[in-house]
PDB file of N, CA and C in Angstrom:
ATOM      1  N   UNK A   1       1.698  -2.063 -11.633  1.00  0.00           N
ATOM      2  CA  UNK A   1       2.575  -2.161 -10.467  1.00  0.00           C
ATOM      3  C   UNK A   1       3.358  -0.846 -10.318  1.00  0.00           C
ATOM      4  N   UNK A   2       3.496  -0.417  -9.088  1.00  0.00           N
ATOM      5  CA  UNK A   2       4.198   0.825  -8.793  1.00  0.00           C
ATOM      6  C   UNK A   2       5.551   0.515  -8.154  1.00  0.00           C
ATOM      7  N   UNK A   3       6.471   1.457  -8.280  1.00  0.00           N
ATOM      8  CA  UNK A   3       7.801   1.318  -7.702  1.00  0.00           C
ATOM      9  C   UNK A   3       7.855   2.160  -6.433  1.00  0.00           C
ATOM     10  N   UNK A   4       7.943   1.495  -5.274  1.00  0.00           N
ATOM     11  CA  UNK A   4       7.967   2.195  -3.989  1.00  0.00           C
ATOM     12  C   UNK A   4       9.413   2.355  -3.524  1.00  0.00           C
ATOM     13  N   UNK A   5       9.777   3.583  -3.163  1.00  0.00           N
ATOM     14  CA  UNK A   5      11.124   3.885  -2.678  1.00  0.00           C
ATOM     15  C   UNK A   5      11.044   4.701  -1.393  1.00  0.00           C
ATOM     16  N   UNK A   6      12.120   4.664  -0.630  1.00  0.00           N
ATOM     17  CA  UNK A   6      12.225   5.478   0.578  1.00  0.00           C
ATOM     18  C   UNK A   6      12.895   6.803   0.220  1.00  0.00           C
ATOM     19  N   UNK A   7      12.319   7.897   0.706  1.00  0.00           N
ATOM     20  CA  UNK A   7      12.979   9.200   0.579  1.00  0.00           C
ATOM     21  C   UNK A   7      14.301   9.129   1.339  1.00  0.00           C
ATOM     22  N   UNK A   8      15.355   9.681   0.724  1.00  0.00           N
ATOM     23  CA  UNK A   8      16.675   9.676   1.339  1.00  0.00           C
ATOM     24  C   UNK A   8      17.139  11.112   1.563  1.00  0.00           C
ATOM     25  N   UNK A   9      17.524  11.402   2.797  1.00  0.00           N
ATOM     26  CA  UNK A   9      18.081  12.714   3.121  1.00  0.00           C
ATOM     27  C   UNK A   9      19.441  12.873   2.439  1.00  0.00           C
ATOM     28  N   UNK A  10      19.919  14.111   2.273  1.00  0.00           N
ATOM     29  CA  UNK A  10      21.235  14.313   1.661  1.00  0.00           C
ATOM     30  C   UNK A  10      22.362  13.552   2.378  1.00  0.00           C
ATOM     31  N   UNK A  11      22.203  13.295   3.685  1.00  0.00           N
ATOM     32  CA  UNK A  11      23.245  12.572   4.425  1.00  0.00           C
ATOM     33  C   UNK A  11      23.119  11.054   4.291  1.00  0.00           C
ATOM     34  N   UNK A  12      22.127  10.585   3.487  1.00  0.00           N
ATOM     35  CA  UNK A  12      21.971   9.156   3.253  1.00  0.00           C
ATOM     36  C   UNK A  12      20.954   8.467   4.158  1.00  0.00           C
ATOM     37  N   UNK A  13      20.504   9.143   5.193  1.00  0.00           N
ATOM     38  CA  UNK A  13      19.532   8.553   6.114  1.00  0.00           C
ATOM     39  C   UNK A  13      18.157   8.463   5.452  1.00  0.00           C
ATOM     40  N   UNK A  14      17.413   7.415   5.772  1.00  0.00           N
ATOM     41  CA  UNK A  14      16.072   7.202   5.248  1.00  0.00           C
ATOM     42  C   UNK A  14      15.091   7.250   6.429  1.00  0.00           C
ATOM     43  N   UNK A  15      14.443   8.416   6.650  1.00  0.00           N
ATOM     44  CA  UNK A  15      13.574   8.567   7.827  1.00  0.00           C
ATOM     45  C   UNK A  15      12.491   7.495   7.947  1.00  0.00           C
ATOM     46  N   UNK A  16      11.859   7.111   6.846  1.00  0.00           N
ATOM     47  CA  UNK A  16      10.776   6.133   6.943  1.00  0.00           C
ATOM     48  C   UNK A  16      11.324   4.743   7.262  1.00  0.00           C
ATOM     49  N   UNK A  17      12.521   4.435   6.797  1.00  0.00           N
ATOM     50  CA  UNK A  17      13.142   3.142   7.147  1.00  0.00           C
ATOM     51  C   UNK A  17      13.441   3.110   8.640  1.00  0.00           C
ATOM     52  N   UNK A  18      13.975   4.224   9.164  1.00  0.00           N
ATOM     53  CA  UNK A  18      14.238   4.315  10.605  1.00  0.00           C
ATOM     54  C   UNK A  18      12.938   4.125  11.389  1.00  0.00           C
ATOM     55  N   UNK A  19      11.857   4.739  10.897  1.00  0.00           N
ATOM     56  CA  UNK A  19      10.561   4.609  11.565  1.00  0.00           C
ATOM     57  C   UNK A  19      10.089   3.151  11.560  1.00  0.00           C
ATOM     58  N   UNK A  20      10.116   2.507  10.414  1.00  0.00           N
ATOM     59  CA  UNK A  20       9.666   1.113  10.318  1.00  0.00           C
ATOM     60  C   UNK A  20      10.516   0.220  11.221  1.00  0.00           C
ATOM     61  N   UNK A  21      11.820   0.454  11.220  1.00  0.00           N
ATOM     62  CA  UNK A  21      12.719  -0.344  12.069  1.00  0.00           C
ATOM     63  C   UNK A  21      12.418  -0.159  13.557  1.00  0.00           C
ATOM     64  N   UNK A  22      11.823   0.976  13.931  1.00  0.00           N
ATOM     65  CA  UNK A  22      11.530   1.251  15.345  1.00  0.00           C
ATOM     66  C   UNK A  22      10.226   0.601  15.820  1.00  0.00           C
ATOM     67  N   UNK A  23       9.438   0.100  14.887  1.00  0.00           N
ATOM     68  CA  UNK A  23       8.147  -0.502  15.244  1.00  0.00           C
ATOM     69  C   UNK A  23       8.332  -1.881  15.866  1.00  0.00           C
ATOM     70  N   UNK A  24       7.301  -2.357  16.567  1.00  0.00           N
ATOM     71  CA  UNK A  24       7.337  -3.719  17.097  1.00  0.00           C
ATOM     72  C   UNK A  24       7.378  -4.687  15.923  1.00  0.00           C
ATOM     73  N   UNK A  25       7.902  -5.897  16.123  1.00  0.00           N
ATOM     74  CA  UNK A  25       7.987  -6.850  15.001  1.00  0.00           C
ATOM     75  C   UNK A  25       6.642  -7.091  14.295  1.00  0.00           C
ATOM     76  N   UNK A  26       5.565  -7.216  15.047  1.00  0.00           N
ATOM     77  CA  UNK A  26       4.257  -7.464  14.420  1.00  0.00           C
ATOM     78  C   UNK A  26       3.795  -6.249  13.622  1.00  0.00           C
ATOM     79  N   UNK A  27       4.047  -5.051  14.142  1.00  0.00           N
ATOM     80  CA  UNK A  27       3.670  -3.843  13.414  1.00  0.00           C
ATOM     81  C   UNK A  27       4.542  -3.673  12.171  1.00  0.00           C
ATOM     82  N   UNK A  28       5.816  -4.081  12.245  1.00  0.00           N
ATOM     83  CA  UNK A  28       6.692  -4.033  11.065  1.00  0.00           C
ATOM     84  C   UNK A  28       6.129  -4.903   9.951  1.00  0.00           C
ATOM     85  N   UNK A  29       5.691  -6.110  10.315  1.00  0.00           N
ATOM     86  CA  UNK A  29       5.113  -7.030   9.328  1.00  0.00           C
ATOM     87  C   UNK A  29       3.875  -6.396   8.701  1.00  0.00           C
ATOM     88  N   UNK A  30       3.026  -5.810   9.522  1.00  0.00           N
ATOM     89  CA  UNK A  30       1.808  -5.161   9.035  1.00  0.00           C
ATOM     90  C   UNK A  30       2.155  -3.971   8.126  1.00  0.00           C
ATOM     91  N   UNK A  31       3.168  -3.191   8.516  1.00  0.00           N
ATOM     92  CA  UNK A  31       3.592  -2.045   7.708  1.00  0.00           C
ATOM     93  C   UNK A  31       4.103  -2.507   6.345  1.00  0.00           C
ATOM     94  N   UNK A  32       4.917  -3.545   6.324  1.00  0.00           N
ATOM     95  CA  UNK A  32       5.458  -4.038   5.056  1.00  0.00           C
ATOM     96  C   UNK A  32       4.338  -4.607   4.178  1.00  0.00           C
ATOM     97  N   UNK A  33       3.356  -5.264   4.784  1.00  0.00           N
ATOM     98  CA  UNK A  33       2.210  -5.780   4.025  1.00  0.00           C
ATOM     99  C   UNK A  33       1.418  -4.613   3.428  1.00  0.00           C
ATOM    100  N   UNK A  34       1.254  -3.538   4.183  1.00  0.00           N
ATOM    101  CA  UNK A  34       0.535  -2.354   3.689  1.00  0.00           C
ATOM    102  C   UNK A  34       1.303  -1.699   2.541  1.00  0.00           C
ATOM    103  N   UNK A  35       2.625  -1.670   2.640  1.00  0.00           N
ATOM    104  CA  UNK A  35       3.455  -1.105   1.568  1.00  0.00           C
ATOM    105  C   UNK A  35       3.307  -1.957   0.302  1.00  0.00           C
ATOM    106  N   UNK A  36       3.220  -3.272   0.456  1.00  0.00           N
ATOM    107  CA  UNK A  36       3.016  -4.148  -0.708  1.00  0.00           C
ATOM    108  C   UNK A  36       1.664  -3.872  -1.369  1.00  0.00           C
ATOM    109  N   UNK A  37       0.636  -3.630  -0.564  1.00  0.00           N
ATOM    110  CA  UNK A  37      -0.681  -3.285  -1.118  1.00  0.00           C
ATOM    111  C   UNK A  37      -0.587  -1.964  -1.880  1.00  0.00           C
ATOM    112  N   UNK A  38       0.120  -0.984  -1.305  1.00  0.00           N
ATOM    113  CA  UNK A  38       0.324   0.301  -1.970  1.00  0.00           C
ATOM    114  C   UNK A  38       1.067   0.098  -3.289  1.00  0.00           C
ATOM    115  N   UNK A  39       2.076  -0.756  -3.280  1.00  0.00           N
ATOM    116  CA  UNK A  39       2.867  -1.036  -4.482  1.00  0.00           C
ATOM    117  C   UNK A  39       1.969  -1.623  -5.589  1.00  0.00           C
ATOM    118  N   UNK A  40       1.035  -2.464  -5.196  1.00  0.00           N
ATOM    119  CA  UNK A  40       0.154  -3.098  -6.173  1.00  0.00           C
ATOM    120  C   UNK A  40      -0.922  -2.154  -6.707  1.00  0.00           C
ATOM    121  N   UNK A  41      -1.568  -1.390  -5.820  1.00  0.00           N
ATOM    122  CA  UNK A  41      -2.719  -0.590  -6.216  1.00  0.00           C
ATOM    123  C   UNK A  41      -2.416   0.889  -6.455  1.00  0.00           C
ATOM    124  N   UNK A  42      -1.310   1.402  -5.896  1.00  0.00           N
ATOM    125  CA  UNK A  42      -0.877   2.773  -6.144  1.00  0.00           C
ATOM    126  C   UNK A  42      -1.972   3.805  -5.995  1.00  0.00           C
ATOM    127  N   UNK A  43      -2.189   4.576  -7.063  1.00  0.00           N
ATOM    128  CA  UNK A  43      -3.140   5.686  -6.987  1.00  0.00           C
ATOM    129  C   UNK A  43      -4.603   5.233  -6.976  1.00  0.00           C
ATOM    130  N   UNK A  44      -4.860   3.935  -7.035  1.00  0.00           N
ATOM    131  CA  UNK A  44      -6.224   3.412  -6.907  1.00  0.00           C
ATOM    132  C   UNK A  44      -6.566   3.062  -5.462  1.00  0.00           C
ATOM    133  N   UNK A  45      -5.570   3.108  -4.577  1.00  0.00           N
ATOM    134  CA  UNK A  45      -5.774   2.726  -3.177  1.00  0.00           C
ATOM    135  C   UNK A  45      -6.578   3.811  -2.457  1.00  0.00           C
ATOM    136  N   UNK A  46      -7.598   3.383  -1.727  1.00  0.00           N
ATOM    137  CA  UNK A  46      -8.486   4.305  -1.008  1.00  0.00           C
ATOM    138  C   UNK A  46      -8.597   3.883   0.448  1.00  0.00           C
ATOM    139  N   UNK A  47      -9.445   4.622   1.200  1.00  0.00           N
ATOM    140  CA  UNK A  47      -9.689   4.255   2.593  1.00  0.00           C
ATOM    141  C   UNK A  47     -10.286   2.855   2.640  1.00  0.00           C
ATOM    142  N   UNK A  48      -9.963   2.057   3.604  1.00  0.00           N
ATOM    143  CA  UNK A  48      -9.267   2.388   4.849  1.00  0.00           C
ATOM    144  C   UNK A  48      -7.740   2.326   4.757  1.00  0.00           C
ATOM    145  N   UNK A  49      -7.178   2.015   3.585  1.00  0.00           N
ATOM    146  CA  UNK A  49      -5.725   1.852   3.463  1.00  0.00           C
ATOM    147  C   UNK A  49      -4.969   3.165   3.292  1.00  0.00           C
ATOM    148  N   UNK A  50      -5.578   4.098   2.587  1.00  0.00           N
ATOM    149  CA  UNK A  50      -4.881   5.323   2.237  1.00  0.00           C
ATOM    150  C   UNK A  50      -5.841   6.506   2.310  1.00  0.00           C
ATOM    151  N   UNK A  51      -5.275   7.675   2.608  1.00  0.00           N
ATOM    152  CA  UNK A  51      -6.099   8.884   2.692  1.00  0.00           C
ATOM    153  C   UNK A  51      -5.280  10.077   2.215  1.00  0.00           C
ATOM    154  N   UNK A  52      -5.860  10.925   1.347  1.00  0.00           N
ATOM    155  CA  UNK A  52      -5.143  12.133   0.919  1.00  0.00           C
ATOM    156  C   UNK A  52      -5.057  13.142   2.062  1.00  0.00           C
ATOM    157  N   UNK A  53      -3.899  13.790   2.174  1.00  0.00           N
ATOM    158  CA  UNK A  53      -3.687  14.766   3.248  1.00  0.00           C
ATOM    159  C   UNK A  53      -3.496  16.185   2.705  1.00  0.00           C
ATOM    160  N   UNK A  54      -3.579  16.348   1.383  1.00  0.00           N
ATOM    161  CA  UNK A  54      -3.408  17.663   0.761  1.00  0.00           C
ATOM    162  C   UNK A  54      -2.007  17.860   0.228  1.00  0.00           C
ATOM    163  N   UNK A  55      -1.888  18.742  -0.763  1.00  0.00           N
ATOM    164  CA  UNK A  55      -0.595  19.084  -1.385  1.00  0.00           C
ATOM    165  C   UNK A  55       0.120  17.863  -1.964  1.00  0.00           C
ATOM    166  N   UNK A  56      -0.635  16.864  -2.423  1.00  0.00           N
ATOM    167  CA  UNK A  56      -0.019  15.685  -3.029  1.00  0.00           C
ATOM    168  C   UNK A  56       0.535  14.684  -2.037  1.00  0.00           C
ATOM    169  N   UNK A  57       0.276  14.899  -0.751  1.00  0.00           N
ATOM    170  CA  UNK A  57       0.736  13.979   0.306  1.00  0.00           C
ATOM    171  C   UNK A  57      -0.418  13.046   0.666  1.00  0.00           C
ATOM    172  N   UNK A  58      -0.094  11.770   0.846  1.00  0.00           N
ATOM    173  CA  UNK A  58      -1.071  10.768   1.258  1.00  0.00           C
ATOM    174  C   UNK A  58      -0.546  10.066   2.499  1.00  0.00           C
ATOM    175  N   UNK A  59      -1.456   9.477   3.265  1.00  0.00           N
ATOM    176  CA  UNK A  59      -1.015   8.678   4.398  1.00  0.00           C
ATOM    177  C   UNK A  59      -1.421   7.238   4.169  1.00  0.00           C
ATOM    178  N   UNK A  60      -0.493   6.337   4.428  1.00  0.00           N
ATOM    179  CA  UNK A  60      -0.746   4.904   4.418  1.00  0.00           C
ATOM    180  C   UNK A  60      -1.156   4.559   5.841  1.00  0.00           C
ATOM    181  N   UNK A  61      -2.336   3.999   5.974  1.00  0.00           N
ATOM    182  CA  UNK A  61      -2.922   3.769   7.294  1.00  0.00           C
ATOM    183  C   UNK A  61      -2.668   2.333   7.717  1.00  0.00           C
ATOM    184  N   UNK A  62      -1.989   2.163   8.834  1.00  0.00           N
ATOM    185  CA  UNK A  62      -1.567   0.843   9.299  1.00  0.00           C
ATOM    186  C   UNK A  62      -2.109   0.626  10.706  1.00  0.00           C
ATOM    187  N   UNK A  63      -2.775  -0.497  10.903  1.00  0.00           N
ATOM    188  CA  UNK A  63      -3.302  -0.802  12.233  1.00  0.00           C
ATOM    189  C   UNK A  63      -3.067  -2.262  12.543  1.00  0.00           C
ATOM    190  N   UNK A  64      -2.573  -2.511  13.770  1.00  0.00           N
ATOM    191  CA  UNK A  64      -2.436  -3.864  14.278  1.00  0.00           C
ATOM    192  C   UNK A  64      -2.965  -3.852  15.702  1.00  0.00           C
ATOM    193  N   UNK A  65      -4.052  -4.590  15.934  1.00  0.00           N
ATOM    194  CA  UNK A  65      -4.741  -4.575  17.231  1.00  0.00           C
ATOM    195  C   UNK A  65      -5.099  -3.121  17.549  1.00  0.00           C
ATOM    196  N   UNK A  66      -4.666  -2.601  18.692  1.00  0.00           N
ATOM    197  CA  UNK A  66      -5.003  -1.217  19.038  1.00  0.00           C
ATOM    198  C   UNK A  66      -3.902  -0.232  18.636  1.00  0.00           C
ATOM    199  N   UNK A  67      -2.815  -0.731  18.055  1.00  0.00           N
ATOM    200  CA  UNK A  67      -1.716   0.139  17.624  1.00  0.00           C
ATOM    201  C   UNK A  67      -2.000   0.687  16.226  1.00  0.00           C
ATOM    202  N   UNK A  68      -1.783   1.989  16.067  1.00  0.00           N
ATOM    203  CA  UNK A  68      -2.036   2.652  14.787  1.00  0.00           C
ATOM    204  C   UNK A  68      -0.783   3.429  14.384  1.00  0.00           C
ATOM    205  N   UNK A  69      -0.357   3.217  13.143  1.00  0.00           N
ATOM    206  CA  UNK A  69       0.772   3.952  12.585  1.00  0.00           C
ATOM    207  C   UNK A  69       0.362   4.545  11.253  1.00  0.00           C
ATOM    208  N   UNK A  70       1.083   5.563  10.859  1.00  0.00           N
ATOM    209  CA  UNK A  70       0.866   6.193   9.559  1.00  0.00           C
ATOM    210  C   UNK A  70       2.217   6.392   8.884  1.00  0.00           C
ATOM    211  N   UNK A  71       2.234   6.210   7.568  1.00  0.00           N
ATOM    212  CA  UNK A  71       3.415   6.506   6.761  1.00  0.00           C
ATOM    213  C   UNK A  71       2.956   7.440   5.649  1.00  0.00           C
ATOM    214  N   UNK A  72       3.643   8.557   5.497  1.00  0.00           N
ATOM    215  CA  UNK A  72       3.309   9.508   4.443  1.00  0.00           C
ATOM    216  C   UNK A  72       4.044   9.151   3.169  1.00  0.00           C
ATOM    217  N   UNK A  73       3.404   9.476   2.039  1.00  0.00           N
ATOM    218  CA  UNK A  73       4.022   9.211   0.744  1.00  0.00           C
ATOM    219  C   UNK A  73       3.460  10.172  -0.294  1.00  0.00           C
ATOM    220  N   UNK A  74       4.138  10.202  -1.441  1.00  0.00           N
ATOM    221  CA  UNK A  74       3.651  10.983  -2.580  1.00  0.00           C
ATOM    222  C   UNK A  74       4.008  10.240  -3.861  1.00  0.00           C
ATOM    223  N   UNK A  75       3.335  10.618  -4.935  1.00  0.00           N
ATOM    224  CA  UNK A  75       3.579  10.005  -6.239  1.00  0.00           C
ATOM    225  C   UNK A  75       4.554  10.865  -7.019  1.00  0.00           C
ATOM    226  N   UNK A  76       5.376  10.195  -7.829  1.00  0.00           N
ATOM    227  CA  UNK A  76       6.342  10.897  -8.664  1.00  0.00           C
ATOM    228  C   UNK A  76       6.279  10.299 -10.063  1.00  0.00           C
ATOM    229  N   UNK A  77       6.898  10.956 -11.012  1.00  0.00           N
ATOM    230  CA  UNK A  77       6.882  10.556 -12.414  1.00  0.00           C
ATOM    231  C   UNK A  77       7.223   9.064 -12.584  1.00  0.00           C
ATOM    232  N   UNK A  78       6.533   8.434 -13.513  1.00  0.00           N
ATOM    233  CA  UNK A  78       6.865   7.053 -13.866  1.00  0.00           C
ATOM    234  C   UNK A  78       6.401   6.018 -12.864  1.00  0.00           C
ATOM    235  N   UNK A  79       5.206   6.187 -12.303  1.00  0.00           N
ATOM    236  CA  UNK A  79       4.650   5.219 -11.345  1.00  0.00           C
ATOM    237  C   UNK A  79       5.510   5.024 -10.102  1.00  0.00           C
ATOM    238  N   UNK A  80       6.246   6.060  -9.722  1.00  0.00           N
ATOM    239  CA  UNK A  80       7.048   5.973  -8.499  1.00  0.00           C
ATOM    240  C   UNK A  80       6.260   6.507  -7.317  1.00  0.00           C
ATOM    241  N   UNK A  81       6.414   5.817  -6.195  1.00  0.00           N
ATOM    242  CA  UNK A  81       5.835   6.253  -4.931  1.00  0.00           C
ATOM    243  C   UNK A  81       6.993   6.425  -3.966  1.00  0.00           C
ATOM    244  N   UNK A  82       7.069   7.578  -3.343  1.00  0.00           N
ATOM    245  CA  UNK A  82       8.157   7.878  -2.412  1.00  0.00           C
ATOM    246  C   UNK A  82       7.579   7.943  -0.999  1.00  0.00           C
ATOM    247  N   UNK A  83       8.058   7.045  -0.132  1.00  0.00           N
ATOM    248  CA  UNK A  83       7.657   7.051   1.282  1.00  0.00           C
ATOM    249  C   UNK A  83       8.553   8.042   2.010  1.00  0.00           C
ATOM    250  N   UNK A  84       7.975   8.955   2.768  1.00  0.00           N
ATOM    251  CA  UNK A  84       8.772  10.025   3.383  1.00  0.00           C
ATOM    252  C   UNK A  84       9.050   9.808   4.860  1.00  0.00           C
ATOM    253  N   UNK A  85       8.022   9.740   5.669  1.00  0.00           N
ATOM    254  CA  UNK A  85       8.199   9.648   7.117  1.00  0.00           C
ATOM    255  C   UNK A  85       6.979   8.970   7.719  1.00  0.00           C
ATOM    256  N   UNK A  86       7.083   8.594   8.971  1.00  0.00           N
ATOM    257  CA  UNK A  86       5.971   7.923   9.628  1.00  0.00           C
ATOM    258  C   UNK A  86       5.903   8.301  11.089  1.00  0.00           C
ATOM    259  N   UNK A  87       4.793   7.955  11.707  1.00  0.00           N
ATOM    260  CA  UNK A  87       4.627   8.214  13.134  1.00  0.00           C
ATOM    261  C   UNK A  87       3.608   7.250  13.707  1.00  0.00           C
ATOM    262  N   UNK A  88       3.657   7.085  15.016  1.00  0.00           N
ATOM    263  CA  UNK A  88       2.679   6.280  15.735  1.00  0.00           C
ATOM    264  C   UNK A  88       1.552   7.216  16.133  1.00  0.00           C
ATOM    265  N   UNK A  89       0.351   6.851  15.760  1.00  0.00           N
ATOM    266  CA  UNK A  89      -0.802   7.723  16.005  1.00  0.00           C
ATOM    267  C   UNK A  89      -1.320   7.516  17.416  1.00  0.00           C
ATOM    268  N   UNK A  90      -1.350   8.609  18.182  1.00  0.00           N
ATOM    269  CA  UNK A  90      -1.811   8.556  19.564  1.00  0.00           C
ATOM    270  C   UNK A  90      -3.040   9.421  19.805  1.00  0.00           C
ATOM    271  N   UNK A  91      -3.365  10.280  18.829  1.00  0.00           N
ATOM    272  CA  UNK A  91      -4.530  11.155  18.956  1.00  0.00           C
ATOM    273  C   UNK A  91      -5.408  10.997  17.712  1.00  0.00           C
ATOM    274  N   UNK A  92      -6.618  11.518  17.775  1.00  0.00           N
ATOM    275  CA  UNK A  92      -7.532  11.405  16.628  1.00  0.00           C
ATOM    276  C   UNK A  92      -7.035  12.202  15.432  1.00  0.00           C
ATOM    277  N   UNK A  93      -6.430  13.338  15.696  1.00  0.00           N
ATOM    278  CA  UNK A  93      -5.992  14.227  14.620  1.00  0.00           C
ATOM    279  C   UNK A  93      -4.510  13.997  14.309  1.00  0.00           C
ATOM    280  N   UNK A  94      -4.182  14.000  13.022  1.00  0.00           N
ATOM    281  CA  UNK A  94      -2.790  13.850  12.601  1.00  0.00           C
ATOM    282  C   UNK A  94      -2.017  15.105  12.998  1.00  0.00           C
ATOM    283  N   UNK A  95      -0.880  14.943  13.676  1.00  0.00           N
ATOM    284  CA  UNK A  95      -0.085  16.116  14.066  1.00  0.00           C
ATOM    285  C   UNK A  95       0.365  16.922  12.835  1.00  0.00           C
ATOM    286  N   UNK A  96       0.053  18.226  12.792  1.00  0.00           N
ATOM    287  CA  UNK A  96       0.431  19.046  11.633  1.00  0.00           C
ATOM    288  C   UNK A  96       1.928  19.019  11.346  1.00  0.00           C
ATOM    289  N   UNK A  97       2.742  18.908  12.381  1.00  0.00           N
ATOM    290  CA  UNK A  97       4.193  18.868  12.188  1.00  0.00           C
ATOM    291  C   UNK A  97       4.638  17.688  11.354  1.00  0.00           C
ATOM    292  N   UNK A  98       3.958  16.556  11.489  1.00  0.00           N
ATOM    293  CA  UNK A  98       4.305  15.366  10.708  1.00  0.00           C
ATOM    294  C   UNK A  98       3.990  15.583   9.224  1.00  0.00           C
ATOM    295  N   UNK A  99       2.859  16.221   8.954  1.00  0.00           N
ATOM    296  CA  UNK A  99       2.506  16.517   7.561  1.00  0.00           C
ATOM    297  C   UNK A  99       3.497  17.521   6.974  1.00  0.00           C
ATOM    298  N   UNK A 100       3.898  18.504   7.778  1.00  0.00           N
ATOM    299  CA  UNK A 100       4.872  19.497   7.309  1.00  0.00           C
ATOM    300  C   UNK A 100       6.212  18.834   6.949  1.00  0.00           C
ATOM    301  N   UNK A 101       6.628  17.873   7.741  1.00  0.00           N
ATOM    302  CA  UNK A 101       7.869  17.138   7.437  1.00  0.00           C
ATOM    303  C   UNK A 101       7.721  16.448   6.084  1.00  0.00           C
ATOM    304  N   UNK A 102       6.586  15.782   5.867  1.00  0.00           N
ATOM    305  CA  UNK A 102       6.348  15.098   4.587  1.00  0.00           C
ATOM    306  C   UNK A 102       6.375  16.091   3.425  1.00  0.00           C
ATOM    307  N   UNK A 103       5.778  17.254   3.607  1.00  0.00           N
ATOM    308  CA  UNK A 103       5.779  18.286   2.551  1.00  0.00           C
ATOM    309  C   UNK A 103       7.200  18.760   2.255  1.00  0.00           C
ATOM    310  N   UNK A 104       7.983  18.967   3.305  1.00  0.00           N
ATOM    311  CA  UNK A 104       9.367  19.420   3.115  1.00  0.00           C
ATOM    312  C   UNK A 104      10.188  18.355   2.391  1.00  0.00           C
ATOM    313  N   UNK A 105      10.016  17.089   2.765  1.00  0.00           N
ATOM    314  CA  UNK A 105      10.738  16.005   2.100  1.00  0.00           C
ATOM    315  C   UNK A 105      10.318  15.897   0.637  1.00  0.00           C
ATOM    316  N   UNK A 106       9.034  16.072   0.365  1.00  0.00           N
ATOM    317  CA  UNK A 106       8.538  16.026  -1.021  1.00  0.00           C
ATOM    318  C   UNK A 106       9.175  17.146  -1.840  1.00  0.00           C
ATOM    319  N   UNK A 107       9.169  18.358  -1.317  1.00  0.00           N
ATOM    320  CA  UNK A 107       9.758  19.501  -2.017  1.00  0.00           C
ATOM    321  C   UNK A 107      11.247  19.275  -2.263  1.00  0.00           C
ATOM    322  N   UNK A 108      11.945  18.751  -1.266  1.00  0.00           N
ATOM    323  CA  UNK A 108      13.376  18.471  -1.409  1.00  0.00           C
ATOM    324  C   UNK A 108      13.612  17.411  -2.481  1.00  0.00           C
ATOM    325  N   UNK A 109      12.821  16.349  -2.454  1.00  0.00           N
ATOM    326  CA  UNK A 109      12.970  15.262  -3.434  1.00  0.00           C
ATOM    327  C   UNK A 109      12.760  15.803  -4.842  1.00  0.00           C
ATOM    328  N   UNK A 110      11.697  16.574  -5.034  1.00  0.00           N
ATOM    329  CA  UNK A 110      11.396  17.109  -6.367  1.00  0.00           C
ATOM    330  C   UNK A 110      12.493  18.069  -6.834  1.00  0.00           C
ATOM    331  N   UNK A 111      12.999  18.891  -5.922  1.00  0.00           N
ATOM    332  CA  UNK A 111      14.066  19.830  -6.280  1.00  0.00           C
ATOM    333  C   UNK A 111      15.322  19.086  -6.700  1.00  0.00           C
ATOM    334  N   UNK A 112      15.716  18.064  -5.928  1.00  0.00           N
ATOM    335  CA  UNK A 112      16.916  17.299  -6.252  1.00  0.00           C
ATOM    336  C   UNK A 112      16.730  16.474  -7.516  1.00  0.00           C
ATOM    337  N   UNK A 113      15.508  15.980  -7.762  1.00  0.00           N
ATOM    338  CA  UNK A 113      15.241  15.150  -8.949  1.00  0.00           C
ATOM    339  C   UNK A 113      15.419  15.962 -10.243  1.00  0.00           C
ATOM    340  N   UNK A 114      15.203  17.267 -10.156  1.00  0.00           N
ATOM    341  CA  UNK A 114      15.375  18.121 -11.364  1.00  0.00           C
ATOM    342  C   UNK A 114      16.827  18.141 -11.818  1.00  0.00           C
ATOM    343  N   UNK A 115      17.759  17.902 -10.906  1.00  0.00           N
ATOM    344  CA  UNK A 115      19.178  18.007 -11.244  1.00  0.00           C
ATOM    345  C   UNK A 115      19.831  16.654 -11.489  1.00  0.00           C
ATOM    346  N   UNK A 116      19.040  15.590 -11.443  1.00  0.00           N
ATOM    347  CA  UNK A 116      19.622  14.259 -11.678  1.00  0.00           C
ATOM    348  C   UNK A 116      19.701  13.952 -13.151  1.00  0.00           C
TER     349      UNK A 116
END
């Protein structure tokens, strides 16, 4: 079993929580179910549920009917999974800016974790 946490900005805001809260109720349920699957299978999770995006970033793939969402995450020491940010997928290709945000959050988390 893995420990899933939300990345927290220095000001206390949790971008992925804000994203999940912005989804429709049915998509929220689907997102939380997908997070539970990630919590159970962790680094063994593969497509269609999860896909590596490079630099240690993965995307959790969530679909309900024709709606598609993605949540980025990375693994950390001690079976921890940190969810960073999410977006509603409207095109075939993942927007590079969303991956860059996930990379920046990962770097920030790792930097701050060194001083805890």
